[in-house]
């Protein structure tokens, strides 16, 4: 009976360790995605600024 309990506890500990590792990997993926989102927002803002600059130059030259 004690051997079964010990094996069961070892299996539970192994499952907990795997779950913790998976949770860590998921957290890393979330962090990486957050960085990508920030980069995309910066790129979009930069593109908007560039388009606004070109538009204002175009309209100021055509008056």
C-alpha atoms as a PDB file:
ATOM      1  CA  UNK A   1       0.000   0.000   0.000  1.00  0.00           C
ATOM      2  CA  UNK A   2       2.824   2.408   0.897  1.00  0.00           C
ATOM      3  CA  UNK A   3       4.585   1.709  -2.421  1.00  0.00           C
ATOM      4  CA  UNK A   4       1.439   2.616  -4.382  1.00  0.00           C
ATOM      5  CA  UNK A   5       1.059   5.815  -2.391  1.00  0.00           C
ATOM      6  CA  UNK A   6       4.693   6.725  -2.934  1.00  0.00           C
ATOM      7  CA  UNK A   7       4.422   6.069  -6.702  1.00  0.00           C
ATOM      8  CA  UNK A   8       1.234   8.110  -6.842  1.00  0.00           C
ATOM      9  CA  UNK A   9       2.902  11.017  -5.025  1.00  0.00           C
ATOM     10  CA  UNK A  10       5.865  10.834  -7.407  1.00  0.00           C
ATOM     11  CA  UNK A  11       3.502  10.940 -10.388  1.00  0.00           C
ATOM     12  CA  UNK A  12       1.667  13.926  -8.915  1.00  0.00           C
ATOM     13  CA  UNK A  13       4.948  15.761  -8.334  1.00  0.00           C
ATOM     14  CA  UNK A  14       6.038  15.026 -11.890  1.00  0.00           C
ATOM     15  CA  UNK A  15       2.719  16.331 -13.238  1.00  0.00           C
ATOM     16  CA  UNK A  16       3.092  19.472 -11.115  1.00  0.00           C
ATOM     17  CA  UNK A  17       6.612  20.009 -12.440  1.00  0.00           C
ATOM     18  CA  UNK A  18       5.425  19.598 -16.040  1.00  0.00           C
ATOM     19  CA  UNK A  19       2.518  21.972 -15.419  1.00  0.00           C
ATOM     20  CA  UNK A  20       4.873  24.579 -13.956  1.00  0.00           C
ATOM     21  CA  UNK A  21       7.218  24.269 -16.936  1.00  0.00           C
ATOM     22  CA  UNK A  22       4.299  24.596 -19.350  1.00  0.00           C
ATOM     23  CA  UNK A  23       2.982  27.589 -17.433  1.00  0.00           C
ATOM     24  CA  UNK A  24       6.407  29.221 -17.689  1.00  0.00           C
ATOM     25  CA  UNK A  25       6.525  28.601 -21.433  1.00  0.00           C
ATOM     26  CA  UNK A  26       3.059  30.081 -21.839  1.00  0.00           C
ATOM     27  CA  UNK A  27       4.087  33.163 -19.862  1.00  0.00           C
ATOM     28  CA  UNK A  28       7.144  33.608 -22.088  1.00  0.00           C
ATOM     29  CA  UNK A  29       4.939  33.337 -25.192  1.00  0.00           C
ATOM     30  CA  UNK A  30       2.532  35.926 -23.760  1.00  0.00           C
ATOM     31  CA  UNK A  31       5.414  38.296 -23.019  1.00  0.00           C
ATOM     32  CA  UNK A  32       6.767  37.858 -26.553  1.00  0.00           C
ATOM     33  CA  UNK A  33       3.346  38.531 -28.059  1.00  0.00           C
ATOM     34  CA  UNK A  34       3.015  41.679 -25.962  1.00  0.00           C
ATOM     35  CA  UNK A  35       6.338  42.895 -27.366  1.00  0.00           C
ATOM     36  CA  UNK A  36       5.145  42.194 -30.921  1.00  0.00           C
ATOM     37  CA  UNK A  37       1.923  44.121 -30.268  1.00  0.00           C
ATOM     38  CA  UNK A  38       3.917  47.093 -28.940  1.00  0.00           C
ATOM     39  CA  UNK A  39       6.183  46.996 -31.992  1.00  0.00           C
ATOM     40  CA  UNK A  40       3.185  46.882 -34.330  1.00  0.00           C
ATOM     41  CA  UNK A  41       1.627  49.873 -32.562  1.00  0.00           C
ATOM     42  CA  UNK A  42       4.881  51.815 -32.882  1.00  0.00           C
ATOM     43  CA  UNK A  43       5.116  50.912 -36.558  1.00  0.00           C
ATOM     44  CA  UNK A  44       1.502  51.980 -37.151  1.00  0.00           C
ATOM     45  CA  UNK A  45       2.084  55.295 -35.378  1.00  0.00           C
ATOM     46  CA  UNK A  46       5.235  55.885 -37.389  1.00  0.00           C
ATOM     47  CA  UNK A  47       3.405  55.112 -40.621  1.00  0.00           C
ATOM     48  CA  UNK A  48       0.571  57.478 -39.678  1.00  0.00           C
ATOM     49  CA  UNK A  49       3.030  60.257 -38.911  1.00  0.00           C
ATOM     50  CA  UNK A  50       4.830  59.660 -42.186  1.00  0.00           C
ATOM     51  CA  UNK A  51       1.569  59.721 -44.159  1.00  0.00           C
ATOM     52  CA  UNK A  52       0.435  62.882 -42.389  1.00  0.00           C
ATOM     53  CA  UNK A  53       3.752  64.566 -43.171  1.00  0.00           C
ATOM     54  CA  UNK A  54       3.559  63.588 -46.839  1.00  0.00           C
ATOM     55  CA  UNK A  55      -0.067  64.701 -47.054  1.00  0.00           C
ATOM     56  CA  UNK A  56       0.648  68.095 -45.500  1.00  0.00           C
ATOM     57  CA  UNK A  57       3.621  68.605 -47.840  1.00  0.00           C
ATOM     58  CA  UNK A  58       1.531  67.602 -50.839  1.00  0.00           C
ATOM     59  CA  UNK A  59      -1.326  69.966 -49.997  1.00  0.00           C
ATOM     60  CA  UNK A  60       0.970  72.859 -49.060  1.00  0.00           C
ATOM     61  CA  UNK A  61       2.796  72.554 -52.412  1.00  0.00           C
ATOM     62  CA  UNK A  62      -0.428  72.460 -54.433  1.00  0.00           C
ATOM     63  CA  UNK A  63      -1.884  75.760 -53.214  1.00  0.00           C
END
